[in-house]
Amino acid sequence: MPRLSSEKITQFLKFGIVGLLGLGWDTTAVYSLRPLVGLTTATIAAYFIAASINWFINRLWTFRKAGNQHHFMVQWLRFLAGNSLGFFLNRGCVFMLFHLSPIFKANPVLALVAGAAAGMMANFHISRKLVFHRESPKAAGRRNVQIVPFQPERAVAQNAVSSRTAVVNSRSKTG
């Protein structure tokens, strides 16, 4: 069984706290938007509102030490795209509960809690690996590599030619 690092455990706990806060924003948005746009549209819009706030807090707090090598808009879009699996798990559970029982439709917060639990693990792992990851030394090295175009005016050192080339050239002159 893989050993969990204290950093990963701390990140998971912080991610969970942010997720609980996100559940509050999600619920508030659903209840606020529901009279204006209906339950289905409110539930979808609320996810993106809560996910955006969660991304921002996770960027500043949970994964602060991971570095933010991406522009904030790129990272936000990566967060939304990467957590699309969590979105489908979360909102799939929510909509399934809405359709299974009128209790969940009357009290959306119950379905939202179940949906948040359904998507949390996927969102944590995806966020950690694809959105808020530290840049690997390999990637940093690749970024610093420069491609220099061919420069015909640049002199080539005499010893740059291999001994095999010299042997081939000497045979062609004699024979």
N, C-alpha and C. Protein backbone atom coordinates (compact mmCIF):
# COMPACT_ATOMS: atom_id res chain seq x y z
N MET A 1 0.84 -1.18 0.00
CA MET A 1 0.00 0.00 0.00
C MET A 1 0.89 1.24 0.00
N PRO A 2 0.61 2.23 -0.89
CA PRO A 2 1.46 3.41 -0.96
C PRO A 2 1.37 4.24 0.32
N ARG A 3 2.52 4.80 0.69
CA ARG A 3 2.60 5.60 1.90
C ARG A 3 2.19 7.04 1.56
N LEU A 4 1.31 7.62 2.36
CA LEU A 4 0.87 8.99 2.13
C LEU A 4 1.83 9.97 2.80
N SER A 5 2.19 11.00 2.10
CA SER A 5 3.06 12.01 2.68
C SER A 5 2.23 12.97 3.53
N SER A 6 2.88 13.61 4.47
CA SER A 6 2.16 14.57 5.32
C SER A 6 1.67 15.75 4.48
N GLU A 7 2.42 16.11 3.45
CA GLU A 7 2.00 17.20 2.57
C GLU A 7 0.69 16.83 1.85
N LYS A 8 0.59 15.60 1.36
CA LYS A 8 -0.62 15.17 0.65
C LYS A 8 -1.82 15.13 1.61
N ILE A 9 -1.59 14.66 2.82
CA ILE A 9 -2.67 14.61 3.82
C ILE A 9 -3.14 16.02 4.16
N THR A 10 -2.18 16.94 4.35
CA THR A 10 -2.53 18.33 4.65
C THR A 10 -3.31 18.94 3.49
N GLN A 11 -2.84 18.69 2.27
CA GLN A 11 -3.55 19.21 1.11
C GLN A 11 -4.98 18.65 1.04
N PHE A 12 -5.12 17.36 1.32
CA PHE A 12 -6.45 16.75 1.27
C PHE A 12 -7.38 17.37 2.32
N LEU A 13 -6.87 17.58 3.51
CA LEU A 13 -7.70 18.20 4.57
C LEU A 13 -8.08 19.64 4.18
N LYS A 14 -7.14 20.39 3.68
CA LYS A 14 -7.45 21.75 3.23
C LYS A 14 -8.45 21.73 2.07
N PHE A 15 -8.24 20.79 1.14
CA PHE A 15 -9.15 20.65 0.00
C PHE A 15 -10.56 20.33 0.49
N GLY A 16 -10.65 19.50 1.52
CA GLY A 16 -11.95 19.16 2.11
C GLY A 16 -12.61 20.36 2.77
N ILE A 17 -11.83 21.19 3.46
CA ILE A 17 -12.38 22.40 4.08
C ILE A 17 -12.89 23.35 3.01
N VAL A 18 -12.09 23.53 1.96
CA VAL A 18 -12.52 24.39 0.85
C VAL A 18 -13.77 23.79 0.21
N GLY A 19 -13.82 22.47 0.10
CA GLY A 19 -14.99 21.80 -0.46
C GLY A 19 -16.24 22.04 0.38
N LEU A 20 -16.09 22.03 1.70
CA LEU A 20 -17.25 22.33 2.58
C LEU A 20 -17.72 23.77 2.38
N LEU A 21 -16.77 24.68 2.29
CA LEU A 21 -17.14 26.07 2.00
C LEU A 21 -17.82 26.15 0.63
N GLY A 22 -17.28 25.41 -0.34
CA GLY A 22 -17.86 25.37 -1.68
C GLY A 22 -19.28 24.84 -1.67
N LEU A 23 -19.54 23.86 -0.80
CA LEU A 23 -20.90 23.34 -0.66
C LEU A 23 -21.83 24.45 -0.18
N GLY A 24 -21.33 25.30 0.69
CA GLY A 24 -22.13 26.45 1.15
C GLY A 24 -22.42 27.41 0.03
N TRP A 25 -21.39 27.73 -0.79
CA TRP A 25 -21.61 28.63 -1.93
C TRP A 25 -22.53 27.99 -2.96
N ASP A 26 -22.35 26.70 -3.18
CA ASP A 26 -23.17 25.95 -4.12
C ASP A 26 -24.64 26.01 -3.69
N THR A 27 -24.87 25.70 -2.43
CA THR A 27 -26.25 25.69 -1.90
C THR A 27 -26.87 27.08 -1.97
N THR A 28 -26.10 28.09 -1.56
CA THR A 28 -26.61 29.46 -1.61
C THR A 28 -26.97 29.87 -3.04
N ALA A 29 -26.11 29.51 -3.98
CA ALA A 29 -26.39 29.86 -5.38
C ALA A 29 -27.62 29.13 -5.91
N VAL A 30 -27.77 27.84 -5.58
CA VAL A 30 -28.95 27.09 -6.04
C VAL A 30 -30.22 27.72 -5.49
N TYR A 31 -30.24 27.98 -4.19
CA TYR A 31 -31.45 28.55 -3.58
C TYR A 31 -31.71 29.98 -4.07
N SER A 32 -30.66 30.74 -4.38
CA SER A 32 -30.84 32.10 -4.87
C SER A 32 -31.30 32.14 -6.32
N LEU A 33 -30.77 31.25 -7.13
CA LEU A 33 -31.09 31.26 -8.57
C LEU A 33 -32.36 30.48 -8.91
N ARG A 34 -32.74 29.54 -8.07
CA ARG A 34 -33.88 28.66 -8.37
C ARG A 34 -35.15 29.43 -8.71
N PRO A 35 -35.55 30.46 -7.97
CA PRO A 35 -36.78 31.18 -8.34
C PRO A 35 -36.67 31.92 -9.68
N LEU A 36 -35.45 32.25 -10.08
CA LEU A 36 -35.26 33.02 -11.31
C LEU A 36 -35.16 32.16 -12.56
N VAL A 37 -34.45 31.01 -12.46
CA VAL A 37 -34.16 30.22 -13.67
C VAL A 37 -34.60 28.76 -13.57
N GLY A 38 -35.14 28.36 -12.46
CA GLY A 38 -35.55 26.97 -12.29
C GLY A 38 -34.44 26.14 -11.65
N LEU A 39 -34.83 24.97 -11.16
CA LEU A 39 -33.90 24.12 -10.41
C LEU A 39 -32.75 23.59 -11.26
N THR A 40 -33.02 23.12 -12.45
CA THR A 40 -31.97 22.52 -13.28
C THR A 40 -30.90 23.54 -13.66
N THR A 41 -31.29 24.67 -14.19
CA THR A 41 -30.33 25.70 -14.59
C THR A 41 -29.60 26.26 -13.37
N ALA A 42 -30.31 26.45 -12.28
CA ALA A 42 -29.68 26.95 -11.05
C ALA A 42 -28.62 25.98 -10.55
N THR A 43 -28.89 24.69 -10.64
CA THR A 43 -27.95 23.67 -10.17
C THR A 43 -26.69 23.65 -11.02
N ILE A 44 -26.82 23.80 -12.32
CA ILE A 44 -25.64 23.82 -13.20
C ILE A 44 -24.84 25.11 -12.99
N ALA A 45 -25.52 26.25 -12.97
CA ALA A 45 -24.82 27.53 -12.78
C ALA A 45 -24.13 27.57 -11.41
N ALA A 46 -24.77 27.05 -10.40
CA ALA A 46 -24.21 27.07 -9.05
C ALA A 46 -22.91 26.27 -8.97
N TYR A 47 -22.83 25.18 -9.73
CA TYR A 47 -21.60 24.39 -9.74
C TYR A 47 -20.43 25.25 -10.21
N PHE A 48 -20.61 25.98 -11.30
CA PHE A 48 -19.52 26.78 -11.85
C PHE A 48 -19.16 27.96 -10.94
N ILE A 49 -20.14 28.50 -10.26
CA ILE A 49 -19.87 29.58 -9.29
C ILE A 49 -19.02 29.02 -8.15
N ALA A 50 -19.47 27.91 -7.56
CA ALA A 50 -18.75 27.30 -6.44
C ALA A 50 -17.38 26.79 -6.87
N ALA A 51 -17.29 26.18 -8.04
CA ALA A 51 -16.00 25.65 -8.53
C ALA A 51 -15.00 26.78 -8.74
N SER A 52 -15.46 27.92 -9.23
CA SER A 52 -14.56 29.05 -9.46
C SER A 52 -14.04 29.61 -8.14
N ILE A 53 -14.90 29.73 -7.16
CA ILE A 53 -14.46 30.21 -5.84
C ILE A 53 -13.53 29.18 -5.20
N ASN A 54 -13.86 27.91 -5.33
CA ASN A 54 -13.00 26.85 -4.78
C ASN A 54 -11.62 26.86 -5.44
N TRP A 55 -11.58 27.03 -6.76
CA TRP A 55 -10.29 27.10 -7.45
C TRP A 55 -9.44 28.23 -6.86
N PHE A 56 -10.04 29.40 -6.69
CA PHE A 56 -9.31 30.55 -6.20
C PHE A 56 -8.74 30.30 -4.80
N ILE A 57 -9.54 29.75 -3.91
CA ILE A 57 -9.07 29.49 -2.54
C ILE A 57 -8.04 28.37 -2.53
N ASN A 58 -8.26 27.33 -3.33
CA ASN A 58 -7.26 26.26 -3.42
C ASN A 58 -5.94 26.79 -3.97
N ARG A 59 -6.00 27.70 -4.90
CA ARG A 59 -4.78 28.30 -5.47
C ARG A 59 -4.02 29.07 -4.40
N LEU A 60 -4.77 29.85 -3.59
CA LEU A 60 -4.13 30.69 -2.59
C LEU A 60 -3.72 29.93 -1.31
N TRP A 61 -4.46 28.88 -0.97
CA TRP A 61 -4.25 28.25 0.33
C TRP A 61 -3.81 26.79 0.22
N THR A 62 -4.64 25.94 -0.34
CA THR A 62 -4.39 24.50 -0.35
C THR A 62 -3.11 24.14 -1.09
N PHE A 63 -2.94 24.66 -2.29
CA PHE A 63 -1.80 24.29 -3.14
C PHE A 63 -0.83 25.46 -3.32
N ARG A 64 -0.76 26.34 -2.32
CA ARG A 64 0.10 27.52 -2.39
C ARG A 64 1.56 27.14 -2.65
N LYS A 65 2.04 26.08 -2.01
CA LYS A 65 3.45 25.68 -2.14
C LYS A 65 3.75 24.98 -3.46
N ALA A 66 2.73 24.57 -4.17
CA ALA A 66 2.94 23.86 -5.43
C ALA A 66 3.42 24.80 -6.53
N GLY A 67 3.28 26.08 -6.31
CA GLY A 67 3.68 27.03 -7.34
C GLY A 67 2.55 27.23 -8.32
N ASN A 68 2.56 28.36 -8.92
CA ASN A 68 1.52 28.68 -9.91
C ASN A 68 2.21 29.04 -11.21
N GLN A 69 2.70 28.01 -11.90
CA GLN A 69 3.46 28.24 -13.12
C GLN A 69 2.57 28.62 -14.30
N HIS A 70 1.26 28.50 -14.14
CA HIS A 70 0.34 28.86 -15.23
C HIS A 70 -0.29 30.22 -14.94
N HIS A 71 -0.61 30.94 -15.99
CA HIS A 71 -1.38 32.17 -15.85
C HIS A 71 -2.69 31.81 -15.15
N PHE A 72 -3.21 32.72 -14.32
CA PHE A 72 -4.39 32.37 -13.53
C PHE A 72 -5.59 31.98 -14.37
N MET A 73 -5.78 32.59 -15.54
CA MET A 73 -6.92 32.21 -16.39
C MET A 73 -6.73 30.80 -16.97
N VAL A 74 -5.50 30.49 -17.35
CA VAL A 74 -5.21 29.16 -17.88
C VAL A 74 -5.43 28.12 -16.78
N GLN A 75 -4.95 28.43 -15.58
CA GLN A 75 -5.10 27.50 -14.47
C GLN A 75 -6.58 27.31 -14.11
N TRP A 76 -7.35 28.39 -14.13
CA TRP A 76 -8.79 28.29 -13.83
C TRP A 76 -9.48 27.40 -14.87
N LEU A 77 -9.15 27.59 -16.14
CA LEU A 77 -9.75 26.75 -17.19
C LEU A 77 -9.30 25.30 -17.05
N ARG A 78 -8.03 25.09 -16.69
CA ARG A 78 -7.53 23.72 -16.45
C ARG A 78 -8.28 23.08 -15.28
N PHE A 79 -8.56 23.89 -14.26
CA PHE A 79 -9.30 23.40 -13.09
C PHE A 79 -10.70 22.95 -13.50
N LEU A 80 -11.39 23.79 -14.23
CA LEU A 80 -12.75 23.43 -14.68
C LEU A 80 -12.73 22.23 -15.61
N ALA A 81 -11.79 22.21 -16.55
CA ALA A 81 -11.71 21.10 -17.49
C ALA A 81 -11.28 19.82 -16.78
N GLY A 82 -10.26 19.92 -15.95
CA GLY A 82 -9.76 18.74 -15.23
C GLY A 82 -10.78 18.15 -14.29
N ASN A 83 -11.57 19.02 -13.68
CA ASN A 83 -12.58 18.54 -12.74
C ASN A 83 -13.91 18.23 -13.39
N SER A 84 -13.92 18.10 -14.71
CA SER A 84 -15.17 17.74 -15.39
C SER A 84 -15.64 16.35 -14.97
N LEU A 85 -14.72 15.44 -14.67
CA LEU A 85 -15.12 14.12 -14.16
C LEU A 85 -15.86 14.30 -12.83
N GLY A 86 -15.29 15.12 -11.95
CA GLY A 86 -15.96 15.41 -10.68
C GLY A 86 -17.30 16.09 -10.89
N PHE A 87 -17.38 16.96 -11.91
CA PHE A 87 -18.64 17.62 -12.24
C PHE A 87 -19.71 16.58 -12.59
N PHE A 88 -19.34 15.63 -13.46
CA PHE A 88 -20.32 14.62 -13.87
C PHE A 88 -20.70 13.70 -12.72
N LEU A 89 -19.75 13.36 -11.88
CA LEU A 89 -20.08 12.56 -10.70
C LEU A 89 -20.98 13.35 -9.76
N ASN A 90 -20.61 14.59 -9.51
CA ASN A 90 -21.35 15.45 -8.59
C ASN A 90 -22.77 15.70 -9.11
N ARG A 91 -22.84 16.32 -10.27
CA ARG A 91 -24.17 16.69 -10.77
C ARG A 91 -24.98 15.49 -11.25
N GLY A 92 -24.31 14.44 -11.66
CA GLY A 92 -25.04 13.21 -11.99
C GLY A 92 -25.76 12.67 -10.77
N CYS A 93 -25.07 12.65 -9.65
CA CYS A 93 -25.69 12.20 -8.39
C CYS A 93 -26.83 13.13 -8.00
N VAL A 94 -26.61 14.45 -8.11
CA VAL A 94 -27.63 15.43 -7.73
C VAL A 94 -28.89 15.25 -8.57
N PHE A 95 -28.73 15.18 -9.89
CA PHE A 95 -29.91 15.07 -10.77
C PHE A 95 -30.60 13.72 -10.61
N MET A 96 -29.81 12.67 -10.36
CA MET A 96 -30.42 11.36 -10.12
C MET A 96 -31.30 11.42 -8.86
N LEU A 97 -30.80 12.05 -7.82
CA LEU A 97 -31.58 12.16 -6.59
C LEU A 97 -32.81 13.05 -6.78
N PHE A 98 -32.68 14.11 -7.56
CA PHE A 98 -33.84 14.96 -7.86
C PHE A 98 -34.95 14.15 -8.51
N HIS A 99 -34.56 13.23 -9.41
CA HIS A 99 -35.56 12.45 -10.15
C HIS A 99 -36.07 11.24 -9.37
N LEU A 100 -35.29 10.77 -8.40
CA LEU A 100 -35.72 9.60 -7.64
C LEU A 100 -36.71 9.92 -6.53
N SER A 101 -36.58 11.09 -5.95
CA SER A 101 -37.41 11.39 -4.79
C SER A 101 -37.78 12.86 -4.74
N PRO A 102 -39.04 13.15 -4.48
CA PRO A 102 -39.46 14.55 -4.35
C PRO A 102 -38.85 15.23 -3.12
N ILE A 103 -38.38 14.45 -2.16
CA ILE A 103 -37.74 15.03 -0.97
C ILE A 103 -36.48 15.81 -1.39
N PHE A 104 -35.69 15.22 -2.31
CA PHE A 104 -34.46 15.87 -2.76
C PHE A 104 -34.77 17.10 -3.61
N LYS A 105 -35.84 17.03 -4.37
CA LYS A 105 -36.22 18.18 -5.19
C LYS A 105 -36.71 19.33 -4.31
N ALA A 106 -37.40 18.99 -3.25
CA ALA A 106 -37.91 20.01 -2.31
C ALA A 106 -36.78 20.57 -1.43
N ASN A 107 -35.77 19.74 -1.15
CA ASN A 107 -34.63 20.12 -0.31
C ASN A 107 -33.33 19.85 -1.06
N PRO A 108 -32.99 20.68 -2.03
CA PRO A 108 -31.81 20.42 -2.86
C PRO A 108 -30.51 20.26 -2.07
N VAL A 109 -30.41 20.86 -0.91
CA VAL A 109 -29.17 20.78 -0.13
C VAL A 109 -28.80 19.32 0.15
N LEU A 110 -29.78 18.45 0.33
CA LEU A 110 -29.51 17.03 0.60
C LEU A 110 -28.83 16.38 -0.61
N ALA A 111 -29.33 16.70 -1.79
CA ALA A 111 -28.72 16.15 -3.01
C ALA A 111 -27.35 16.78 -3.25
N LEU A 112 -27.19 18.05 -2.93
CA LEU A 112 -25.91 18.73 -3.11
C LEU A 112 -24.81 18.13 -2.22
N VAL A 113 -25.17 17.75 -1.01
CA VAL A 113 -24.21 17.12 -0.10
C VAL A 113 -23.75 15.78 -0.69
N ALA A 114 -24.70 14.99 -1.16
CA ALA A 114 -24.37 13.69 -1.75
C ALA A 114 -23.51 13.88 -3.00
N GLY A 115 -23.84 14.86 -3.81
CA GLY A 115 -23.07 15.13 -5.03
C GLY A 115 -21.65 15.58 -4.72
N ALA A 116 -21.49 16.43 -3.71
CA ALA A 116 -20.16 16.89 -3.32
C ALA A 116 -19.30 15.72 -2.87
N ALA A 117 -19.88 14.83 -2.11
CA ALA A 117 -19.14 13.64 -1.66
C ALA A 117 -18.76 12.75 -2.84
N ALA A 118 -19.66 12.64 -3.81
CA ALA A 118 -19.41 11.78 -4.98
C ALA A 118 -18.23 12.29 -5.82
N GLY A 119 -18.06 13.59 -5.93
CA GLY A 119 -17.03 14.13 -6.80
C GLY A 119 -15.73 14.52 -6.11
N MET A 120 -15.71 14.51 -4.78
CA MET A 120 -14.55 15.06 -4.06
C MET A 120 -13.23 14.34 -4.35
N MET A 121 -13.20 13.04 -4.27
CA MET A 121 -11.94 12.30 -4.45
C MET A 121 -11.38 12.50 -5.86
N ALA A 122 -12.25 12.42 -6.84
CA ALA A 122 -11.80 12.63 -8.22
C ALA A 122 -11.25 14.04 -8.39
N ASN A 123 -11.96 15.02 -7.86
CA ASN A 123 -11.51 16.41 -7.98
C ASN A 123 -10.18 16.64 -7.28
N PHE A 124 -9.98 16.04 -6.12
CA PHE A 124 -8.72 16.23 -5.39
C PHE A 124 -7.55 15.68 -6.20
N HIS A 125 -7.67 14.44 -6.65
CA HIS A 125 -6.55 13.82 -7.37
C HIS A 125 -6.27 14.53 -8.69
N ILE A 126 -7.31 14.89 -9.41
CA ILE A 126 -7.13 15.60 -10.68
C ILE A 126 -6.51 16.97 -10.44
N SER A 127 -7.00 17.68 -9.43
CA SER A 127 -6.46 19.01 -9.13
C SER A 127 -5.00 18.92 -8.74
N ARG A 128 -4.67 17.94 -7.94
CA ARG A 128 -3.29 17.79 -7.45
C ARG A 128 -2.33 17.42 -8.59
N LYS A 129 -2.76 16.55 -9.48
CA LYS A 129 -1.88 16.05 -10.53
C LYS A 129 -1.83 16.94 -11.78
N LEU A 130 -2.97 17.55 -12.15
CA LEU A 130 -3.03 18.26 -13.42
C LEU A 130 -3.14 19.78 -13.33
N VAL A 131 -3.60 20.29 -12.20
CA VAL A 131 -3.83 21.73 -12.11
C VAL A 131 -2.80 22.41 -11.22
N PHE A 132 -2.64 21.91 -10.00
CA PHE A 132 -1.76 22.54 -9.02
C PHE A 132 -0.51 21.70 -8.78
N HIS A 133 0.10 21.22 -9.83
CA HIS A 133 1.27 20.36 -9.69
C HIS A 133 2.54 21.19 -9.68
N ARG A 134 3.53 20.66 -9.01
CA ARG A 134 4.86 21.27 -9.08
C ARG A 134 5.45 20.90 -10.43
N GLU A 135 6.21 21.79 -10.96
CA GLU A 135 6.84 21.50 -12.24
C GLU A 135 7.99 20.52 -12.00
N SER A 136 8.01 19.45 -12.77
CA SER A 136 9.06 18.45 -12.61
C SER A 136 10.38 19.00 -13.13
N PRO A 137 11.50 18.49 -12.60
CA PRO A 137 12.80 18.95 -13.10
C PRO A 137 12.98 18.70 -14.59
N LYS A 138 12.43 17.60 -15.10
CA LYS A 138 12.52 17.32 -16.54
C LYS A 138 11.84 18.42 -17.35
N ALA A 139 10.62 18.79 -16.91
CA ALA A 139 9.87 19.83 -17.63
C ALA A 139 10.61 21.16 -17.55
N ALA A 140 11.20 21.48 -16.40
CA ALA A 140 11.94 22.73 -16.27
C ALA A 140 13.15 22.72 -17.19
N GLY A 141 13.83 21.57 -17.31
CA GLY A 141 14.99 21.45 -18.19
C GLY A 141 14.60 21.58 -19.65
N ARG A 142 13.48 21.00 -20.02
CA ARG A 142 13.02 21.08 -21.41
C ARG A 142 12.67 22.52 -21.77
N ARG A 143 12.15 23.26 -20.83
CA ARG A 143 11.75 24.62 -21.11
C ARG A 143 12.97 25.51 -21.36
N ASN A 144 14.11 25.18 -20.76
CA ASN A 144 15.30 26.00 -20.89
C ASN A 144 16.14 25.65 -22.11
N VAL A 145 15.79 24.61 -22.84
CA VAL A 145 16.54 24.21 -24.02
C VAL A 145 16.28 25.22 -25.13
N GLN A 146 17.34 25.65 -25.79
CA GLN A 146 17.20 26.59 -26.88
C GLN A 146 17.57 25.91 -28.19
N ILE A 147 16.82 26.18 -29.21
CA ILE A 147 17.12 25.67 -30.54
C ILE A 147 17.81 26.80 -31.28
N VAL A 148 19.04 26.54 -31.72
CA VAL A 148 19.83 27.54 -32.43
C VAL A 148 19.77 27.19 -33.91
N PRO A 149 19.37 28.13 -34.74
CA PRO A 149 19.30 27.85 -36.17
C PRO A 149 20.70 27.67 -36.76
N PHE A 150 20.75 26.99 -37.89
CA PHE A 150 22.01 26.77 -38.59
C PHE A 150 22.61 28.10 -39.01
N GLN A 151 23.91 28.24 -38.78
CA GLN A 151 24.59 29.48 -39.13
C GLN A 151 25.78 29.12 -40.03
N PRO A 152 25.64 29.25 -41.34
CA PRO A 152 26.72 28.83 -42.25
C PRO A 152 28.01 29.63 -42.07
N GLU A 153 27.92 30.88 -41.61
CA GLU A 153 29.13 31.69 -41.45
C GLU A 153 29.94 31.28 -40.23
N ARG A 154 29.38 30.44 -39.39
CA ARG A 154 30.06 30.03 -38.17
C ARG A 154 31.10 28.95 -38.49
N ALA A 155 32.31 29.14 -38.04
CA ALA A 155 33.39 28.19 -38.33
C ALA A 155 33.20 26.90 -37.54
N VAL A 156 33.52 25.78 -38.18
CA VAL A 156 33.43 24.48 -37.53
C VAL A 156 34.83 24.06 -37.14
N ALA A 157 35.00 23.64 -35.92
CA ALA A 157 36.32 23.21 -35.44
C ALA A 157 36.79 22.00 -36.22
N GLN A 158 38.08 21.92 -36.50
CA GLN A 158 38.63 20.82 -37.27
C GLN A 158 38.43 19.47 -36.59
N ASN A 159 38.54 19.42 -35.29
CA ASN A 159 38.40 18.15 -34.60
C ASN A 159 36.94 17.74 -34.44
N ALA A 160 36.02 18.52 -35.01
CA ALA A 160 34.61 18.17 -34.92
C ALA A 160 34.27 17.05 -35.89
N VAL A 161 35.11 16.82 -36.87
CA VAL A 161 34.88 15.77 -37.85
C VAL A 161 35.36 14.46 -37.25
N SER A 162 34.56 13.43 -37.37
CA SER A 162 34.94 12.16 -36.76
C SER A 162 36.06 11.49 -37.54
N SER A 163 36.76 10.58 -36.90
CA SER A 163 37.85 9.86 -37.55
C SER A 163 37.30 8.97 -38.66
N ARG A 164 36.08 8.50 -38.53
CA ARG A 164 35.47 7.65 -39.57
C ARG A 164 35.29 8.45 -40.86
N THR A 165 34.89 9.70 -40.74
CA THR A 165 34.72 10.55 -41.91
C THR A 165 36.06 10.74 -42.61
N ALA A 166 37.11 10.92 -41.83
CA ALA A 166 38.44 11.11 -42.41
C ALA A 166 38.87 9.86 -43.17
N VAL A 167 38.61 8.67 -42.64
CA VAL A 167 38.97 7.42 -43.30
C VAL A 167 38.19 7.27 -44.60
N VAL A 168 36.90 7.54 -44.58
CA VAL A 168 36.08 7.43 -45.79
C VAL A 168 36.57 8.40 -46.84
N ASN A 169 36.88 9.61 -46.46
CA ASN A 169 37.38 10.59 -47.42
C ASN A 169 38.73 10.19 -48.00
N SER A 170 39.61 9.63 -47.19
CA SER A 170 40.92 9.24 -47.70
C SER A 170 40.81 8.08 -48.69
N ARG A 171 39.87 7.16 -48.49
CA ARG A 171 39.68 6.03 -49.42
C ARG A 171 39.16 6.54 -50.75
N SER A 172 38.24 7.49 -50.73
CA SER A 172 37.67 7.95 -51.98
C SER A 172 38.69 8.71 -52.83
N LYS A 173 39.71 9.33 -52.22
CA LYS A 173 40.73 10.05 -52.96
C LYS A 173 41.72 9.11 -53.63
N THR A 174 41.99 7.97 -52.98
CA THR A 174 43.00 7.05 -53.51
C THR A 174 42.43 6.09 -54.52
N GLY A 175 41.18 5.85 -54.44
CA GLY A 175 40.70 4.76 -55.23
C GLY A 175 39.71 5.12 -56.21
